[in-house]
Amino acid sequence: MFMLEKLPLTLTILLADFNNPDGYLIFEAMAELGLQQQVHLPTSDNGATIDHVYVDQSLQNVATDVIDTYCSDHAATILLLNLELFH
């Protein structure tokens, strides 16, 4: 957490495997940093959302998807960004 607070970034994207299905404290901490969770589907075989994607709340054209991998208990999490935002 402290590292994110110190970085002089204008755009932050954080992708992580938190292995914490009850992520309320994580959501709260990320919100304090101006980051919003983008994954709203289960990412594990047991139906929990344990893989998270957080982006700056200012990003509007962001989408995520979850795809079963068949070789892991985690699904693949995909982040789609509109690259025109970065021109």
N, C-alpha and C. Protein backbone atom coordinates (compact mmCIF):
# COMPACT_ATOMS: atom_id res chain seq x y z
N MET A 1 0.81 -1.19 0.00
CA MET A 1 0.00 0.00 0.00
C MET A 1 0.85 1.26 0.00
N PHE A 2 1.84 1.30 0.87
CA PHE A 2 2.63 2.51 1.00
C PHE A 2 3.37 2.83 -0.28
N MET A 3 3.77 1.81 -1.02
CA MET A 3 4.46 2.05 -2.27
C MET A 3 3.56 2.78 -3.26
N LEU A 4 2.29 2.37 -3.33
CA LEU A 4 1.36 3.03 -4.25
C LEU A 4 1.16 4.50 -3.89
N GLU A 5 1.16 4.80 -2.61
CA GLU A 5 0.97 6.18 -2.18
C GLU A 5 2.15 7.06 -2.55
N LYS A 6 3.33 6.49 -2.68
CA LYS A 6 4.54 7.27 -2.93
C LYS A 6 4.86 7.43 -4.42
N LEU A 7 4.29 6.59 -5.27
CA LEU A 7 4.61 6.65 -6.69
C LEU A 7 3.91 7.84 -7.34
N PRO A 8 4.65 8.64 -8.12
CA PRO A 8 4.05 9.79 -8.79
C PRO A 8 3.39 9.38 -10.11
N LEU A 9 2.35 8.61 -10.04
CA LEU A 9 1.70 8.09 -11.24
C LEU A 9 0.47 8.90 -11.60
N THR A 10 0.20 8.99 -12.89
CA THR A 10 -1.04 9.63 -13.32
C THR A 10 -2.08 8.59 -13.67
N LEU A 11 -1.66 7.36 -13.88
CA LEU A 11 -2.57 6.27 -14.21
C LEU A 11 -2.11 5.03 -13.45
N THR A 12 -3.00 4.44 -12.68
CA THR A 12 -2.65 3.24 -11.92
C THR A 12 -3.57 2.10 -12.30
N ILE A 13 -2.97 0.95 -12.59
CA ILE A 13 -3.71 -0.29 -12.82
C ILE A 13 -3.05 -1.34 -11.95
N LEU A 14 -3.82 -1.96 -11.08
CA LEU A 14 -3.30 -2.98 -10.18
C LEU A 14 -4.06 -4.27 -10.42
N LEU A 15 -3.34 -5.33 -10.80
CA LEU A 15 -3.92 -6.64 -11.01
C LEU A 15 -3.30 -7.58 -9.99
N ALA A 16 -4.14 -8.30 -9.26
CA ALA A 16 -3.58 -9.14 -8.20
C ALA A 16 -4.47 -10.32 -7.88
N ASP A 17 -3.85 -11.37 -7.39
CA ASP A 17 -4.52 -12.55 -6.86
C ASP A 17 -4.51 -12.39 -5.35
N PHE A 18 -5.62 -11.92 -4.79
CA PHE A 18 -5.66 -11.67 -3.35
C PHE A 18 -6.03 -12.90 -2.54
N ASN A 19 -6.60 -13.94 -3.18
CA ASN A 19 -7.03 -15.14 -2.47
C ASN A 19 -7.83 -14.80 -1.22
N ASN A 20 -8.66 -13.78 -1.33
CA ASN A 20 -9.47 -13.33 -0.21
C ASN A 20 -10.88 -13.06 -0.72
N PRO A 21 -11.76 -14.06 -0.62
CA PRO A 21 -13.12 -13.88 -1.15
C PRO A 21 -13.91 -12.80 -0.43
N ASP A 22 -13.58 -12.52 0.82
CA ASP A 22 -14.24 -11.45 1.56
C ASP A 22 -13.33 -10.24 1.54
N GLY A 23 -13.29 -9.54 0.40
CA GLY A 23 -12.31 -8.50 0.18
C GLY A 23 -12.71 -7.11 0.62
N TYR A 24 -13.62 -6.99 1.58
CA TYR A 24 -14.11 -5.66 1.98
C TYR A 24 -12.97 -4.72 2.36
N LEU A 25 -12.03 -5.17 3.16
CA LEU A 25 -10.93 -4.30 3.58
C LEU A 25 -10.05 -3.91 2.40
N ILE A 26 -9.87 -4.84 1.47
CA ILE A 26 -9.08 -4.55 0.26
C ILE A 26 -9.81 -3.49 -0.57
N PHE A 27 -11.13 -3.67 -0.78
CA PHE A 27 -11.91 -2.70 -1.54
C PHE A 27 -11.80 -1.31 -0.92
N GLU A 28 -11.93 -1.26 0.39
CA GLU A 28 -11.89 0.01 1.12
C GLU A 28 -10.53 0.68 0.97
N ALA A 29 -9.46 -0.08 1.12
CA ALA A 29 -8.10 0.47 1.00
C ALA A 29 -7.84 0.97 -0.41
N MET A 30 -8.28 0.23 -1.41
CA MET A 30 -8.08 0.65 -2.79
C MET A 30 -8.89 1.90 -3.10
N ALA A 31 -10.11 1.99 -2.58
CA ALA A 31 -10.95 3.17 -2.80
C ALA A 31 -10.29 4.41 -2.22
N GLU A 32 -9.62 4.27 -1.08
CA GLU A 32 -8.91 5.40 -0.48
C GLU A 32 -7.78 5.89 -1.39
N LEU A 33 -7.25 4.99 -2.22
CA LEU A 33 -6.20 5.36 -3.18
C LEU A 33 -6.77 5.82 -4.51
N GLY A 34 -8.11 5.86 -4.62
CA GLY A 34 -8.75 6.29 -5.86
C GLY A 34 -8.86 5.19 -6.89
N LEU A 35 -8.79 3.93 -6.44
CA LEU A 35 -8.87 2.79 -7.35
C LEU A 35 -10.20 2.06 -7.18
N GLN A 36 -10.72 1.55 -8.30
CA GLN A 36 -12.02 0.89 -8.29
C GLN A 36 -11.89 -0.52 -8.86
N GLN A 37 -12.50 -1.49 -8.17
CA GLN A 37 -12.48 -2.90 -8.60
C GLN A 37 -13.30 -3.04 -9.88
N GLN A 38 -12.73 -3.75 -10.86
CA GLN A 38 -13.38 -3.92 -12.15
C GLN A 38 -13.93 -5.33 -12.38
N VAL A 39 -13.49 -6.31 -11.60
CA VAL A 39 -13.92 -7.69 -11.81
C VAL A 39 -15.16 -7.94 -10.95
N HIS A 40 -16.25 -8.34 -11.60
CA HIS A 40 -17.51 -8.55 -10.89
C HIS A 40 -18.06 -9.95 -11.12
N LEU A 41 -17.21 -10.85 -11.61
CA LEU A 41 -17.59 -12.24 -11.84
C LEU A 41 -16.68 -13.14 -11.02
N PRO A 42 -17.13 -14.34 -10.71
CA PRO A 42 -16.26 -15.28 -9.99
C PRO A 42 -15.00 -15.60 -10.79
N THR A 43 -13.87 -15.71 -10.10
CA THR A 43 -12.60 -16.01 -10.76
C THR A 43 -11.97 -17.30 -10.25
N SER A 44 -12.72 -18.07 -9.48
CA SER A 44 -12.19 -19.32 -8.97
C SER A 44 -13.24 -20.42 -9.11
N ASP A 45 -12.76 -21.66 -9.04
CA ASP A 45 -13.67 -22.80 -9.18
C ASP A 45 -14.73 -22.85 -8.09
N ASN A 46 -14.45 -22.25 -6.92
CA ASN A 46 -15.43 -22.29 -5.84
C ASN A 46 -16.43 -21.12 -5.90
N GLY A 47 -16.35 -20.32 -6.95
CA GLY A 47 -17.32 -19.25 -7.16
C GLY A 47 -16.98 -17.93 -6.51
N ALA A 48 -15.79 -17.79 -5.94
CA ALA A 48 -15.38 -16.54 -5.30
C ALA A 48 -14.62 -15.66 -6.29
N THR A 49 -14.66 -14.37 -6.07
CA THR A 49 -13.88 -13.42 -6.85
C THR A 49 -12.62 -13.10 -6.06
N ILE A 50 -11.55 -13.82 -6.37
CA ILE A 50 -10.30 -13.65 -5.61
C ILE A 50 -9.20 -13.01 -6.45
N ASP A 51 -9.44 -12.85 -7.73
CA ASP A 51 -8.50 -12.16 -8.62
C ASP A 51 -9.11 -10.80 -8.93
N HIS A 52 -8.38 -9.76 -8.65
CA HIS A 52 -8.92 -8.41 -8.74
C HIS A 52 -8.16 -7.58 -9.77
N VAL A 53 -8.87 -6.62 -10.36
CA VAL A 53 -8.28 -5.61 -11.23
C VAL A 53 -8.79 -4.26 -10.73
N TYR A 54 -7.87 -3.42 -10.30
CA TYR A 54 -8.22 -2.08 -9.83
C TYR A 54 -7.64 -1.05 -10.79
N VAL A 55 -8.43 -0.05 -11.13
CA VAL A 55 -7.97 1.03 -12.01
C VAL A 55 -8.37 2.36 -11.39
N ASP A 56 -7.71 3.42 -11.86
CA ASP A 56 -8.09 4.78 -11.44
C ASP A 56 -9.58 4.98 -11.69
N GLN A 57 -10.25 5.61 -10.75
CA GLN A 57 -11.67 5.88 -10.91
C GLN A 57 -11.96 6.80 -12.08
N SER A 58 -10.95 7.54 -12.54
CA SER A 58 -11.13 8.45 -13.66
C SER A 58 -11.24 7.73 -15.00
N LEU A 59 -10.79 6.48 -15.08
CA LEU A 59 -10.89 5.71 -16.33
C LEU A 59 -12.32 5.24 -16.52
N GLN A 60 -12.91 5.60 -17.65
CA GLN A 60 -14.30 5.26 -17.92
C GLN A 60 -14.44 4.10 -18.90
N ASN A 61 -13.55 3.99 -19.88
CA ASN A 61 -13.68 2.97 -20.92
C ASN A 61 -12.84 1.74 -20.59
N VAL A 62 -13.24 1.06 -19.53
CA VAL A 62 -12.53 -0.12 -19.06
C VAL A 62 -13.51 -1.28 -19.00
N ALA A 63 -13.06 -2.45 -19.43
CA ALA A 63 -13.90 -3.64 -19.34
C ALA A 63 -13.03 -4.81 -18.89
N THR A 64 -13.65 -5.74 -18.19
CA THR A 64 -12.95 -6.97 -17.80
C THR A 64 -13.79 -8.16 -18.21
N ASP A 65 -13.13 -9.28 -18.35
CA ASP A 65 -13.81 -10.54 -18.63
C ASP A 65 -13.07 -11.64 -17.91
N VAL A 66 -13.75 -12.75 -17.70
CA VAL A 66 -13.18 -13.91 -17.02
C VAL A 66 -13.38 -15.12 -17.91
N ILE A 67 -12.30 -15.86 -18.14
CA ILE A 67 -12.33 -17.03 -19.02
C ILE A 67 -11.80 -18.24 -18.27
N ASP A 68 -12.53 -19.34 -18.30
CA ASP A 68 -12.09 -20.57 -17.63
C ASP A 68 -10.85 -21.11 -18.32
N THR A 69 -9.87 -21.52 -17.53
CA THR A 69 -8.61 -22.02 -18.09
C THR A 69 -8.53 -23.53 -18.13
N TYR A 70 -9.34 -24.23 -17.39
CA TYR A 70 -9.37 -25.69 -17.32
C TYR A 70 -8.10 -26.30 -16.72
N CYS A 71 -7.06 -25.52 -16.52
CA CYS A 71 -5.81 -26.08 -15.98
C CYS A 71 -5.44 -25.46 -14.64
N SER A 72 -6.34 -24.67 -14.07
CA SER A 72 -6.07 -24.01 -12.81
C SER A 72 -7.39 -23.83 -12.07
N ASP A 73 -7.30 -23.61 -10.77
CA ASP A 73 -8.52 -23.32 -10.02
C ASP A 73 -8.88 -21.83 -10.14
N HIS A 74 -8.06 -21.06 -10.87
CA HIS A 74 -8.34 -19.66 -11.16
C HIS A 74 -8.71 -19.51 -12.63
N ALA A 75 -9.61 -18.59 -12.89
CA ALA A 75 -9.92 -18.24 -14.27
C ALA A 75 -8.92 -17.18 -14.74
N ALA A 76 -8.78 -17.05 -16.04
CA ALA A 76 -7.96 -15.98 -16.60
C ALA A 76 -8.78 -14.70 -16.56
N THR A 77 -8.19 -13.64 -16.05
CA THR A 77 -8.88 -12.35 -15.97
C THR A 77 -8.29 -11.44 -17.03
N ILE A 78 -9.16 -10.86 -17.83
CA ILE A 78 -8.73 -10.02 -18.95
C ILE A 78 -9.15 -8.58 -18.69
N LEU A 79 -8.24 -7.65 -18.94
CA LEU A 79 -8.52 -6.23 -18.83
C LEU A 79 -8.46 -5.62 -20.22
N LEU A 80 -9.52 -4.92 -20.62
CA LEU A 80 -9.59 -4.26 -21.92
C LEU A 80 -9.61 -2.75 -21.69
N LEU A 81 -8.67 -2.06 -22.34
CA LEU A 81 -8.59 -0.60 -22.24
C LEU A 81 -8.79 0.01 -23.61
N ASN A 82 -9.40 1.17 -23.66
CA ASN A 82 -9.50 1.93 -24.90
C ASN A 82 -8.20 2.69 -25.06
N LEU A 83 -7.34 2.26 -25.97
CA LEU A 83 -6.02 2.86 -26.12
C LEU A 83 -6.07 4.28 -26.66
N GLU A 84 -7.18 4.69 -27.23
CA GLU A 84 -7.30 6.06 -27.70
C GLU A 84 -7.18 7.05 -26.54
N LEU A 85 -7.40 6.60 -25.34
CA LEU A 85 -7.26 7.47 -24.18
C LEU A 85 -5.84 7.93 -23.97
N PHE A 86 -4.89 7.17 -24.50
CA PHE A 86 -3.48 7.43 -24.23
C PHE A 86 -2.78 8.19 -25.35
N HIS A 87 -3.50 8.64 -26.36
CA HIS A 87 -2.89 9.41 -27.45
C HIS A 87 -2.69 10.84 -27.04
